[in-house]
């Protein structure tokens, strides 16, 4: 009996030892904190909205204030408007530090027509503009819209439902669609592709009240953007970026978080802001990559506290992370 009891004890001890050796420690999952792709896609969207706003100035036969030479710039900028058919407008920079703080080179050409014979401007019913970017660079990034012949030319269309809409009840709206390749000139491996349709609404149409005889005062404009865009960020990582009409992206051309450089006011010193106007509000749904290890993101441009800045919040699995966006 004593021998049997001893054998049983050894078996129990062995089982406990084996179980203890096979026990695995469960590791906590690594937090998904990849923000670069969202910041890069946001940068591309902002750059394309800049191109549209430049065309908005040109299409109103107005001087594009925020891309004009800054006080400390030694470069040159020329604007040519041709009001005879085929109508066109073009703007050329030669190493210009612009009023928004960005350095531009190259040319933007817009050839435009109308479906209404009484229309003449970007604000008018039936406006259709075709764009061409020629050696266009911003802060060392080349922006090319000739990526795919199948995609066709970059187009801007006025989406007014009829001629002479009432500005008190109908907001002016345009669409911008195209395929853009954004490449770092110093390091061509850094490339962002953006394809889609951007819808722009003049949020304060009623206050600005543009008419057939009155141009849009873009320097006082508040514009909203919505749409769905796809492409790849640096490293050829696919993305989808969607903005609804309920929470559109907002750019207010009356506000800027930055001080202008190279300006001295007399007799007293006063703060003069630059013409850099970031996205200050709105929410985007964002997905990146092809594997399931990347959770969908929410990019919030307007809840971090400051009313006019270039910061925001990225939400991943309900966790918030504050970020600064790229100019």
C-alpha atoms as a PDB file:
ATOM      1  CA  UNK A   1       0.000   0.000   0.000  1.00  0.00           C
ATOM      2  CA  UNK A   2       2.834   2.381   0.815  1.00  0.00           C
ATOM      3  CA  UNK A   3       4.434   1.735  -2.592  1.00  0.00           C
ATOM      4  CA  UNK A   4       1.224   2.551  -4.477  1.00  0.00           C
ATOM      5  CA  UNK A   5       0.744   5.804  -2.549  1.00  0.00           C
ATOM      6  CA  UNK A   6       4.296   6.903  -3.371  1.00  0.00           C
ATOM      7  CA  UNK A   7       3.808   6.194  -7.062  1.00  0.00           C
ATOM      8  CA  UNK A   8       0.598   8.195  -7.137  1.00  0.00           C
ATOM      9  CA  UNK A   9       2.335  11.147  -5.465  1.00  0.00           C
ATOM     10  CA  UNK A  10       5.087  11.115  -8.070  1.00  0.00           C
ATOM     11  CA  UNK A  11       2.517  11.120 -10.879  1.00  0.00           C
ATOM     12  CA  UNK A  12       0.704  14.121  -9.396  1.00  0.00           C
ATOM     13  CA  UNK A  13       3.947  16.054  -8.940  1.00  0.00           C
ATOM     14  CA  UNK A  14       5.025  15.257 -12.493  1.00  0.00           C
ATOM     15  CA  UNK A  15       1.698  16.459 -13.878  1.00  0.00           C
ATOM     16  CA  UNK A  16       1.988  19.730 -11.978  1.00  0.00           C
ATOM     17  CA  UNK A  17       5.562  20.218 -13.213  1.00  0.00           C
ATOM     18  CA  UNK A  18       4.631  19.523 -16.857  1.00  0.00           C
ATOM     19  CA  UNK A  19       1.608  21.817 -16.678  1.00  0.00           C
ATOM     20  CA  UNK A  20       3.784  24.544 -15.219  1.00  0.00           C
ATOM     21  CA  UNK A  21       6.348  24.181 -18.012  1.00  0.00           C
ATOM     22  CA  UNK A  22       3.686  24.447 -20.756  1.00  0.00           C
ATOM     23  CA  UNK A  23       2.033  27.559 -19.323  1.00  0.00           C
ATOM     24  CA  UNK A  24       2.276  30.518 -21.776  1.00  0.00           C
ATOM     25  CA  UNK A  25       2.269  34.176 -20.880  1.00  0.00           C
ATOM     26  CA  UNK A  26      -0.365  36.113 -22.840  1.00  0.00           C
ATOM     27  CA  UNK A  27       1.163  39.263 -24.329  1.00  0.00           C
ATOM     28  CA  UNK A  28      -0.861  42.458 -24.663  1.00  0.00           C
ATOM     29  CA  UNK A  29      -1.546  43.481 -28.298  1.00  0.00           C
ATOM     30  CA  UNK A  30       0.665  46.236 -29.690  1.00  0.00           C
ATOM     31  CA  UNK A  31      -1.249  49.511 -29.995  1.00  0.00           C
ATOM     32  CA  UNK A  32      -1.885  50.686 -33.563  1.00  0.00           C
ATOM     33  CA  UNK A  33      -0.331  54.168 -33.600  1.00  0.00           C
ATOM     34  CA  UNK A  34       0.465  54.612 -37.304  1.00  0.00           C
ATOM     35  CA  UNK A  35      -0.458  58.214 -38.186  1.00  0.00           C
ATOM     36  CA  UNK A  36       1.753  59.011 -41.181  1.00  0.00           C
ATOM     37  CA  UNK A  37      -0.623  57.656 -43.832  1.00  0.00           C
ATOM     38  CA  UNK A  38      -3.530  59.762 -42.534  1.00  0.00           C
ATOM     39  CA  UNK A  39      -1.345  62.882 -42.371  1.00  0.00           C
ATOM     40  CA  UNK A  40      -0.042  62.264 -45.919  1.00  0.00           C
ATOM     41  CA  UNK A  41      -3.546  61.774 -47.372  1.00  0.00           C
ATOM     42  CA  UNK A  42      -4.709  64.925 -45.586  1.00  0.00           C
ATOM     43  CA  UNK A  43      -1.734  66.836 -47.016  1.00  0.00           C
ATOM     44  CA  UNK A  44      -2.625  65.698 -50.546  1.00  0.00           C
ATOM     45  CA  UNK A  45      -6.279  66.704 -50.148  1.00  0.00           C
ATOM     46  CA  UNK A  46      -5.282  70.141 -48.871  1.00  0.00           C
ATOM     47  CA  UNK A  47      -2.827  70.640 -51.765  1.00  0.00           C
ATOM     48  CA  UNK A  48      -5.512  69.795 -54.317  1.00  0.00           C
ATOM     49  CA  UNK A  49      -7.999  72.155 -52.674  1.00  0.00           C
ATOM     50  CA  UNK A  50      -5.288  74.854 -52.968  1.00  0.00           C
ATOM     51  CA  UNK A  51      -5.113  74.257 -56.721  1.00  0.00           C
ATOM     52  CA  UNK A  52      -8.879  74.611 -57.002  1.00  0.00           C
ATOM     53  CA  UNK A  53      -8.868  77.843 -54.973  1.00  0.00           C
ATOM     54  CA  UNK A  54      -6.144  79.283 -57.224  1.00  0.00           C
ATOM     55  CA  UNK A  55      -8.391  78.499 -60.181  1.00  0.00           C
ATOM     56  CA  UNK A  56     -11.310  80.057 -58.301  1.00  0.00           C
ATOM     57  CA  UNK A  57      -9.420  83.355 -58.137  1.00  0.00           C
ATOM     58  CA  UNK A  58      -8.374  83.115 -61.796  1.00  0.00           C
ATOM     59  CA  UNK A  59     -11.893  82.211 -62.906  1.00  0.00           C
ATOM     60  CA  UNK A  60     -13.211  85.348 -61.202  1.00  0.00           C
ATOM     61  CA  UNK A  61     -10.518  87.438 -62.938  1.00  0.00           C
ATOM     62  CA  UNK A  62      -9.155  88.200 -59.462  1.00  0.00           C
ATOM     63  CA  UNK A  63      -5.631  88.315 -58.080  1.00  0.00           C
ATOM     64  CA  UNK A  64      -4.883  85.072 -56.169  1.00  0.00           C
ATOM     65  CA  UNK A  65      -4.017  86.646 -52.842  1.00  0.00           C
ATOM     66  CA  UNK A  66      -2.804  83.665 -50.822  1.00  0.00           C
ATOM     67  CA  UNK A  67      -0.309  82.540 -53.489  1.00  0.00           C
ATOM     68  CA  UNK A  68       1.005  86.018 -54.340  1.00  0.00           C
ATOM     69  CA  UNK A  69       4.664  86.826 -53.497  1.00  0.00           C
ATOM     70  CA  UNK A  70       5.333  87.388 -49.801  1.00  0.00           C
ATOM     71  CA  UNK A  71       7.147  90.489 -48.577  1.00  0.00           C
ATOM     72  CA  UNK A  72      10.451  88.602 -48.360  1.00  0.00           C
ATOM     73  CA  UNK A  73      10.187  86.858 -51.748  1.00  0.00           C
ATOM     74  CA  UNK A  74      12.594  87.584 -54.591  1.00  0.00           C
ATOM     75  CA  UNK A  75      10.808  85.368 -57.113  1.00  0.00           C
ATOM     76  CA  UNK A  76       8.324  86.445 -59.760  1.00  0.00           C
ATOM     77  CA  UNK A  77       4.694  85.564 -60.460  1.00  0.00           C
ATOM     78  CA  UNK A  78       2.739  86.326 -63.631  1.00  0.00           C
ATOM     79  CA  UNK A  79      -0.976  85.985 -64.332  1.00  0.00           C
ATOM     80  CA  UNK A  80      -2.478  85.952 -67.826  1.00  0.00           C
ATOM     81  CA  UNK A  81      -6.222  85.973 -68.479  1.00  0.00           C
ATOM     82  CA  UNK A  82      -7.522  85.438 -72.003  1.00  0.00           C
ATOM     83  CA  UNK A  83     -11.223  86.324 -72.208  1.00  0.00           C
ATOM     84  CA  UNK A  84     -11.514  85.501 -75.917  1.00  0.00           C
ATOM     85  CA  UNK A  85     -12.597  82.034 -77.030  1.00  0.00           C
ATOM     86  CA  UNK A  86     -11.136  79.621 -76.175  1.00  0.00           C
ATOM     87  CA  UNK A  87     -11.038  81.310 -72.781  1.00  0.00           C
ATOM     88  CA  UNK A  88      -8.121  80.523 -70.519  1.00  0.00           C
ATOM     89  CA  UNK A  89      -6.199  81.694 -67.482  1.00  0.00           C
ATOM     90  CA  UNK A  90      -2.733  80.790 -66.335  1.00  0.00           C
ATOM     91  CA  UNK A  91      -0.465  81.600 -63.430  1.00  0.00           C
ATOM     92  CA  UNK A  92       3.294  81.064 -63.354  1.00  0.00           C
ATOM     93  CA  UNK A  93       5.711  81.151 -60.415  1.00  0.00           C
ATOM     94  CA  UNK A  94       9.499  81.319 -60.540  1.00  0.00           C
ATOM     95  CA  UNK A  95      10.875  80.371 -57.124  1.00  0.00           C
ATOM     96  CA  UNK A  96       8.260  82.440 -55.295  1.00  0.00           C
ATOM     97  CA  UNK A  97       7.826  82.412 -51.526  1.00  0.00           C
ATOM     98  CA  UNK A  98       4.078  82.939 -51.431  1.00  0.00           C
ATOM     99  CA  UNK A  99       1.937  84.781 -48.894  1.00  0.00           C
ATOM    100  CA  UNK A 100       0.887  81.420 -47.413  1.00  0.00           C
ATOM    101  CA  UNK A 101       4.540  80.666 -46.614  1.00  0.00           C
ATOM    102  CA  UNK A 102       4.972  78.022 -49.321  1.00  0.00           C
ATOM    103  CA  UNK A 103       7.501  78.162 -52.158  1.00  0.00           C
ATOM    104  CA  UNK A 104       6.031  77.590 -55.614  1.00  0.00           C
ATOM    105  CA  UNK A 105       7.440  76.985 -59.073  1.00  0.00           C
ATOM    106  CA  UNK A 106       5.836  76.088 -62.376  1.00  0.00           C
ATOM    107  CA  UNK A 107       2.517  76.853 -63.996  1.00  0.00           C
ATOM    108  CA  UNK A 108      -1.201  76.146 -63.687  1.00  0.00           C
ATOM    109  CA  UNK A 109      -3.244  76.546 -66.873  1.00  0.00           C
ATOM    110  CA  UNK A 110      -7.050  76.495 -66.907  1.00  0.00           C
ATOM    111  CA  UNK A 111      -8.972  76.422 -70.182  1.00  0.00           C
ATOM    112  CA  UNK A 112     -12.675  76.943 -69.637  1.00  0.00           C
ATOM    113  CA  UNK A 113     -16.039  77.102 -71.365  1.00  0.00           C
ATOM    114  CA  UNK A 114     -19.721  77.432 -70.454  1.00  0.00           C
ATOM    115  CA  UNK A 115     -22.950  75.640 -71.255  1.00  0.00           C
ATOM    116  CA  UNK A 116     -24.793  78.990 -70.926  1.00  0.00           C
ATOM    117  CA  UNK A 117     -23.910  81.747 -73.409  1.00  0.00           C
ATOM    118  CA  UNK A 118     -24.528  84.393 -70.749  1.00  0.00           C
ATOM    119  CA  UNK A 119     -21.929  82.955 -68.365  1.00  0.00           C
ATOM    120  CA  UNK A 120     -18.449  84.430 -68.020  1.00  0.00           C
ATOM    121  CA  UNK A 121     -16.955  83.445 -64.666  1.00  0.00           C
ATOM    122  CA  UNK A 122     -16.148  80.577 -62.300  1.00  0.00           C
ATOM    123  CA  UNK A 123     -19.215  81.526 -60.228  1.00  0.00           C
ATOM    124  CA  UNK A 124     -21.543  81.264 -63.238  1.00  0.00           C
ATOM    125  CA  UNK A 125     -23.901  78.460 -64.179  1.00  0.00           C
ATOM    126  CA  UNK A 126     -22.393  75.980 -66.630  1.00  0.00           C
ATOM    127  CA  UNK A 127     -18.728  76.759 -65.945  1.00  0.00           C
ATOM    128  CA  UNK A 128     -16.417  73.918 -67.064  1.00  0.00           C
ATOM    129  CA  UNK A 129     -12.674  74.195 -66.559  1.00  0.00           C
ATOM    130  CA  UNK A 130      -9.931  71.835 -67.718  1.00  0.00           C
ATOM    131  CA  UNK A 131      -6.649  72.043 -65.836  1.00  0.00           C
ATOM    132  CA  UNK A 132      -3.055  71.368 -66.737  1.00  0.00           C
ATOM    133  CA  UNK A 133      -0.187  71.461 -64.247  1.00  0.00           C
ATOM    134  CA  UNK A 134       3.168  72.213 -65.881  1.00  0.00           C
ATOM    135  CA  UNK A 135       6.289  71.553 -63.778  1.00  0.00           C
ATOM    136  CA  UNK A 136       4.267  72.641 -60.750  1.00  0.00           C
ATOM    137  CA  UNK A 137       6.001  72.241 -57.376  1.00  0.00           C
ATOM    138  CA  UNK A 138       5.130  73.333 -53.841  1.00  0.00           C
ATOM    139  CA  UNK A 139       7.773  73.239 -51.094  1.00  0.00           C
ATOM    140  CA  UNK A 140       9.788  70.665 -53.008  1.00  0.00           C
ATOM    141  CA  UNK A 141       6.809  68.446 -53.894  1.00  0.00           C
ATOM    142  CA  UNK A 142       5.943  67.991 -57.565  1.00  0.00           C
ATOM    143  CA  UNK A 143       2.196  67.787 -58.264  1.00  0.00           C
ATOM    144  CA  UNK A 144       1.403  66.141 -61.598  1.00  0.00           C
ATOM    145  CA  UNK A 145      -2.089  65.668 -63.024  1.00  0.00           C
ATOM    146  CA  UNK A 146      -1.073  63.732 -66.154  1.00  0.00           C
ATOM    147  CA  UNK A 147      -0.690  60.373 -64.417  1.00  0.00           C
ATOM    148  CA  UNK A 148      -3.283  58.433 -66.379  1.00  0.00           C
ATOM    149  CA  UNK A 149      -4.637  59.198 -69.838  1.00  0.00           C
ATOM    150  CA  UNK A 150      -7.632  56.998 -69.038  1.00  0.00           C
ATOM    151  CA  UNK A 151      -8.590  59.291 -66.150  1.00  0.00           C
ATOM    152  CA  UNK A 152      -8.859  62.282 -68.485  1.00  0.00           C
ATOM    153  CA  UNK A 153      -8.003  65.876 -67.696  1.00  0.00           C
ATOM    154  CA  UNK A 154      -8.521  67.396 -64.281  1.00  0.00           C
ATOM    155  CA  UNK A 155     -11.883  69.155 -64.353  1.00  0.00           C
ATOM    156  CA  UNK A 156     -13.677  71.819 -62.345  1.00  0.00           C
ATOM    157  CA  UNK A 157     -17.425  72.173 -62.820  1.00  0.00           C
ATOM    158  CA  UNK A 158     -19.911  74.670 -61.448  1.00  0.00           C
ATOM    159  CA  UNK A 159     -22.843  72.646 -60.062  1.00  0.00           C
ATOM    160  CA  UNK A 160     -25.414  75.459 -59.874  1.00  0.00           C
ATOM    161  CA  UNK A 161     -28.865  74.000 -60.672  1.00  0.00           C
ATOM    162  CA  UNK A 162     -29.815  76.938 -62.901  1.00  0.00           C
ATOM    163  CA  UNK A 163     -28.676  80.340 -64.089  1.00  0.00           C
ATOM    164  CA  UNK A 164     -28.806  83.191 -61.554  1.00  0.00           C
ATOM    165  CA  UNK A 165     -29.637  81.145 -58.428  1.00  0.00           C
ATOM    166  CA  UNK A 166     -30.774  83.066 -55.363  1.00  0.00           C
ATOM    167  CA  UNK A 167     -27.710  83.323 -53.048  1.00  0.00           C
ATOM    168  CA  UNK A 168     -30.007  83.608 -50.024  1.00  0.00           C
ATOM    169  CA  UNK A 169     -31.324  80.086 -50.584  1.00  0.00           C
ATOM    170  CA  UNK A 170     -28.813  78.324 -52.876  1.00  0.00           C
ATOM    171  CA  UNK A 171     -25.154  77.859 -51.990  1.00  0.00           C
ATOM    172  CA  UNK A 172     -22.653  77.881 -54.826  1.00  0.00           C
ATOM    173  CA  UNK A 173     -21.027  74.499 -55.366  1.00  0.00           C
ATOM    174  CA  UNK A 174     -18.326  73.029 -57.605  1.00  0.00           C
ATOM    175  CA  UNK A 175     -16.736  69.635 -58.256  1.00  0.00           C
ATOM    176  CA  UNK A 176     -13.033  68.978 -58.779  1.00  0.00           C
ATOM    177  CA  UNK A 177     -12.063  65.581 -60.134  1.00  0.00           C
ATOM    178  CA  UNK A 178      -8.777  64.202 -61.284  1.00  0.00           C
ATOM    179  CA  UNK A 179      -5.812  61.926 -60.711  1.00  0.00           C
ATOM    180  CA  UNK A 180      -2.799  63.530 -59.044  1.00  0.00           C
ATOM    181  CA  UNK A 181       0.702  62.230 -58.413  1.00  0.00           C
ATOM    182  CA  UNK A 182       2.573  64.074 -55.635  1.00  0.00           C
ATOM    183  CA  UNK A 183       6.303  63.295 -55.523  1.00  0.00           C
ATOM    184  CA  UNK A 184       9.119  64.612 -53.342  1.00  0.00           C
ATOM    185  CA  UNK A 185      11.637  66.125 -55.772  1.00  0.00           C
ATOM    186  CA  UNK A 186      14.646  65.377 -53.532  1.00  0.00           C
ATOM    187  CA  UNK A 187      13.538  61.786 -52.839  1.00  0.00           C
ATOM    188  CA  UNK A 188      11.260  60.402 -55.610  1.00  0.00           C
ATOM    189  CA  UNK A 189      10.594  57.259 -53.553  1.00  0.00           C
ATOM    190  CA  UNK A 190       8.277  59.449 -51.479  1.00  0.00           C
ATOM    191  CA  UNK A 191       5.130  59.465 -53.613  1.00  0.00           C
ATOM    192  CA  UNK A 192       1.446  60.011 -52.883  1.00  0.00           C
ATOM    193  CA  UNK A 193      -1.275  59.219 -55.429  1.00  0.00           C
ATOM    194  CA  UNK A 194      -4.732  60.817 -55.067  1.00  0.00           C
ATOM    195  CA  UNK A 195      -7.751  60.104 -57.277  1.00  0.00           C
ATOM    196  CA  UNK A 196     -11.354  61.101 -56.727  1.00  0.00           C
ATOM    197  CA  UNK A 197     -13.888  63.915 -56.794  1.00  0.00           C
ATOM    198  CA  UNK A 198     -13.770  66.800 -54.340  1.00  0.00           C
ATOM    199  CA  UNK A 199     -17.002  68.764 -53.856  1.00  0.00           C
ATOM    200  CA  UNK A 200     -16.621  72.375 -52.730  1.00  0.00           C
ATOM    201  CA  UNK A 201     -19.458  74.463 -51.278  1.00  0.00           C
ATOM    202  CA  UNK A 202     -19.275  78.199 -50.578  1.00  0.00           C
ATOM    203  CA  UNK A 203     -20.710  77.992 -47.074  1.00  0.00           C
ATOM    204  CA  UNK A 204     -21.310  81.743 -46.708  1.00  0.00           C
ATOM    205  CA  UNK A 205     -22.818  82.291 -50.156  1.00  0.00           C
ATOM    206  CA  UNK A 206     -25.682  84.301 -48.639  1.00  0.00           C
ATOM    207  CA  UNK A 207     -23.304  86.722 -46.914  1.00  0.00           C
ATOM    208  CA  UNK A 208     -21.026  87.216 -49.928  1.00  0.00           C
ATOM    209  CA  UNK A 209     -24.007  87.316 -52.327  1.00  0.00           C
ATOM    210  CA  UNK A 210     -22.154  86.924 -55.645  1.00  0.00           C
ATOM    211  CA  UNK A 211     -24.202  87.807 -58.724  1.00  0.00           C
ATOM    212  CA  UNK A 212     -23.691  87.997 -62.475  1.00  0.00           C
ATOM    213  CA  UNK A 213     -22.022  91.368 -61.888  1.00  0.00           C
ATOM    214  CA  UNK A 214     -20.405  90.724 -58.483  1.00  0.00           C
ATOM    215  CA  UNK A 215     -17.409  88.433 -58.063  1.00  0.00           C
ATOM    216  CA  UNK A 216     -16.877  86.015 -55.200  1.00  0.00           C
ATOM    217  CA  UNK A 217     -14.771  87.675 -52.497  1.00  0.00           C
ATOM    218  CA  UNK A 218     -12.560  84.665 -51.848  1.00  0.00           C
ATOM    219  CA  UNK A 219     -10.555  86.406 -49.111  1.00  0.00           C
ATOM    220  CA  UNK A 220     -13.745  86.420 -47.002  1.00  0.00           C
ATOM    221  CA  UNK A 221     -14.927  82.951 -48.022  1.00  0.00           C
ATOM    222  CA  UNK A 222     -15.706  79.940 -45.855  1.00  0.00           C
ATOM    223  CA  UNK A 223     -15.606  76.801 -47.983  1.00  0.00           C
ATOM    224  CA  UNK A 224     -16.648  73.223 -47.225  1.00  0.00           C
ATOM    225  CA  UNK A 225     -15.384  70.033 -48.862  1.00  0.00           C
ATOM    226  CA  UNK A 226     -16.828  66.544 -49.081  1.00  0.00           C
ATOM    227  CA  UNK A 227     -16.254  63.481 -51.237  1.00  0.00           C
ATOM    228  CA  UNK A 228     -14.414  60.167 -51.406  1.00  0.00           C
ATOM    229  CA  UNK A 229     -10.792  59.886 -52.498  1.00  0.00           C
ATOM    230  CA  UNK A 230      -8.517  56.896 -52.955  1.00  0.00           C
ATOM    231  CA  UNK A 231      -4.894  56.300 -53.750  1.00  0.00           C
ATOM    232  CA  UNK A 232      -1.620  55.379 -52.116  1.00  0.00           C
ATOM    233  CA  UNK A 233       0.547  57.049 -49.509  1.00  0.00           C
ATOM    234  CA  UNK A 234       4.348  56.871 -49.186  1.00  0.00           C
ATOM    235  CA  UNK A 235       5.486  53.256 -49.473  1.00  0.00           C
ATOM    236  CA  UNK A 236       2.676  52.456 -51.946  1.00  0.00           C
ATOM    237  CA  UNK A 237       0.199  51.887 -49.111  1.00  0.00           C
ATOM    238  CA  UNK A 238      -3.424  52.032 -50.356  1.00  0.00           C
ATOM    239  CA  UNK A 239      -5.905  54.334 -48.633  1.00  0.00           C
ATOM    240  CA  UNK A 240      -9.520  55.472 -48.754  1.00  0.00           C
ATOM    241  CA  UNK A 241     -10.500  58.891 -47.396  1.00  0.00           C
ATOM    242  CA  UNK A 242     -14.198  59.813 -47.129  1.00  0.00           C
ATOM    243  CA  UNK A 243     -15.897  63.011 -45.966  1.00  0.00           C
ATOM    244  CA  UNK A 244     -19.680  63.297 -45.624  1.00  0.00           C
ATOM    245  CA  UNK A 245     -21.846  66.364 -46.213  1.00  0.00           C
ATOM    246  CA  UNK A 246     -22.905  66.204 -42.541  1.00  0.00           C
ATOM    247  CA  UNK A 247     -19.363  66.918 -41.281  1.00  0.00           C
ATOM    248  CA  UNK A 248     -17.502  68.493 -44.218  1.00  0.00           C
ATOM    249  CA  UNK A 249     -13.952  69.766 -44.101  1.00  0.00           C
ATOM    250  CA  UNK A 250     -13.866  73.536 -43.531  1.00  0.00           C
ATOM    251  CA  UNK A 251     -11.359  76.166 -44.672  1.00  0.00           C
ATOM    252  CA  UNK A 252     -11.959  79.737 -43.526  1.00  0.00           C
ATOM    253  CA  UNK A 253     -10.015  82.220 -45.650  1.00  0.00           C
ATOM    254  CA  UNK A 254     -10.411  84.884 -42.967  1.00  0.00           C
ATOM    255  CA  UNK A 255      -8.250  83.025 -40.432  1.00  0.00           C
ATOM    256  CA  UNK A 256      -4.635  81.918 -40.267  1.00  0.00           C
ATOM    257  CA  UNK A 257      -2.631  80.537 -37.329  1.00  0.00           C
ATOM    258  CA  UNK A 258       0.703  81.860 -38.604  1.00  0.00           C
ATOM    259  CA  UNK A 259       2.318  85.271 -38.480  1.00  0.00           C
ATOM    260  CA  UNK A 260       3.607  86.758 -41.716  1.00  0.00           C
ATOM    261  CA  UNK A 261       7.368  86.873 -42.155  1.00  0.00           C
ATOM    262  CA  UNK A 262       9.301  89.960 -43.202  1.00  0.00           C
ATOM    263  CA  UNK A 263       6.616  92.563 -42.491  1.00  0.00           C
ATOM    264  CA  UNK A 264       7.178  95.538 -40.187  1.00  0.00           C
ATOM    265  CA  UNK A 265       4.313  97.880 -39.362  1.00  0.00           C
ATOM    266  CA  UNK A 266       4.789 101.512 -38.347  1.00  0.00           C
ATOM    267  CA  UNK A 267       4.435 103.630 -36.334  1.00  0.00           C
ATOM    268  CA  UNK A 268       3.323 100.824 -33.999  1.00  0.00           C
ATOM    269  CA  UNK A 269       4.040  97.126 -34.233  1.00  0.00           C
ATOM    270  CA  UNK A 270       1.059  94.971 -35.188  1.00  0.00           C
ATOM    271  CA  UNK A 271       0.639  91.273 -35.893  1.00  0.00           C
ATOM    272  CA  UNK A 272       0.103  90.497 -39.564  1.00  0.00           C
ATOM    273  CA  UNK A 273      -1.049  86.956 -40.268  1.00  0.00           C
ATOM    274  CA  UNK A 274       0.046  84.942 -43.275  1.00  0.00           C
ATOM    275  CA  UNK A 275      -2.326  83.685 -45.957  1.00  0.00           C
ATOM    276  CA  UNK A 276      -1.984  80.055 -44.871  1.00  0.00           C
ATOM    277  CA  UNK A 277      -5.520  78.787 -44.270  1.00  0.00           C
ATOM    278  CA  UNK A 278      -5.607  75.195 -42.952  1.00  0.00           C
ATOM    279  CA  UNK A 279      -8.546  72.825 -42.639  1.00  0.00           C
ATOM    280  CA  UNK A 280     -10.003  73.843 -39.267  1.00  0.00           C
ATOM    281  CA  UNK A 281     -13.077  71.650 -38.929  1.00  0.00           C
ATOM    282  CA  UNK A 282     -14.717  68.498 -40.233  1.00  0.00           C
ATOM    283  CA  UNK A 283     -14.362  64.731 -39.927  1.00  0.00           C
ATOM    284  CA  UNK A 284     -12.912  62.169 -42.346  1.00  0.00           C
ATOM    285  CA  UNK A 285     -13.220  58.383 -42.288  1.00  0.00           C
ATOM    286  CA  UNK A 286      -9.890  56.850 -43.232  1.00  0.00           C
ATOM    287  CA  UNK A 287      -8.638  53.349 -43.972  1.00  0.00           C
ATOM    288  CA  UNK A 288      -5.047  52.414 -44.737  1.00  0.00           C
ATOM    289  CA  UNK A 289      -3.299  49.242 -45.853  1.00  0.00           C
ATOM    290  CA  UNK A 290      -4.719  45.951 -47.027  1.00  0.00           C
ATOM    291  CA  UNK A 291      -4.346  43.789 -43.925  1.00  0.00           C
ATOM    292  CA  UNK A 292      -6.764  43.560 -41.024  1.00  0.00           C
ATOM    293  CA  UNK A 293      -4.150  44.696 -38.509  1.00  0.00           C
ATOM    294  CA  UNK A 294      -4.864  48.333 -39.412  1.00  0.00           C
ATOM    295  CA  UNK A 295      -8.054  49.535 -37.807  1.00  0.00           C
ATOM    296  CA  UNK A 296     -10.176  52.215 -39.533  1.00  0.00           C
ATOM    297  CA  UNK A 297      -9.299  55.713 -38.430  1.00  0.00           C
ATOM    298  CA  UNK A 298     -11.369  58.830 -37.822  1.00  0.00           C
ATOM    299  CA  UNK A 299      -9.615  62.135 -38.543  1.00  0.00           C
ATOM    300  CA  UNK A 300     -11.192  65.023 -36.637  1.00  0.00           C
ATOM    301  CA  UNK A 301      -9.964  68.473 -37.647  1.00  0.00           C
ATOM    302  CA  UNK A 302     -11.986  70.571 -35.253  1.00  0.00           C
ATOM    303  CA  UNK A 303     -12.382  69.334 -31.676  1.00  0.00           C
ATOM    304  CA  UNK A 304      -8.888  69.800 -30.233  1.00  0.00           C
ATOM    305  CA  UNK A 305      -9.677  73.253 -28.845  1.00  0.00           C
ATOM    306  CA  UNK A 306      -8.151  75.957 -31.050  1.00  0.00           C
ATOM    307  CA  UNK A 307     -10.533  77.538 -33.591  1.00  0.00           C
ATOM    308  CA  UNK A 308      -7.868  78.195 -36.252  1.00  0.00           C
ATOM    309  CA  UNK A 309      -4.876  75.862 -36.340  1.00  0.00           C
ATOM    310  CA  UNK A 310      -3.298  73.053 -38.322  1.00  0.00           C
ATOM    311  CA  UNK A 311      -3.837  70.343 -35.702  1.00  0.00           C
ATOM    312  CA  UNK A 312      -6.418  67.659 -35.121  1.00  0.00           C
ATOM    313  CA  UNK A 313      -7.238  64.343 -33.499  1.00  0.00           C
ATOM    314  CA  UNK A 314      -6.960  60.844 -34.952  1.00  0.00           C
ATOM    315  CA  UNK A 315      -9.133  58.156 -33.363  1.00  0.00           C
ATOM    316  CA  UNK A 316      -8.107  54.494 -33.573  1.00  0.00           C
ATOM    317  CA  UNK A 317     -10.278  51.916 -31.775  1.00  0.00           C
ATOM    318  CA  UNK A 318     -11.780  54.723 -29.712  1.00  0.00           C
ATOM    319  CA  UNK A 319      -8.401  56.007 -28.499  1.00  0.00           C
ATOM    320  CA  UNK A 320      -7.617  59.635 -29.377  1.00  0.00           C
ATOM    321  CA  UNK A 321      -4.218  60.929 -30.482  1.00  0.00           C
ATOM    322  CA  UNK A 322      -3.468  64.598 -31.119  1.00  0.00           C
ATOM    323  CA  UNK A 323      -1.495  65.297 -34.304  1.00  0.00           C
ATOM    324  CA  UNK A 324      -0.113  68.220 -36.284  1.00  0.00           C
ATOM    325  CA  UNK A 325      -0.903  68.096 -39.982  1.00  0.00           C
ATOM    326  CA  UNK A 326       1.636  68.765 -42.730  1.00  0.00           C
ATOM    327  CA  UNK A 327       1.486  72.156 -44.432  1.00  0.00           C
END
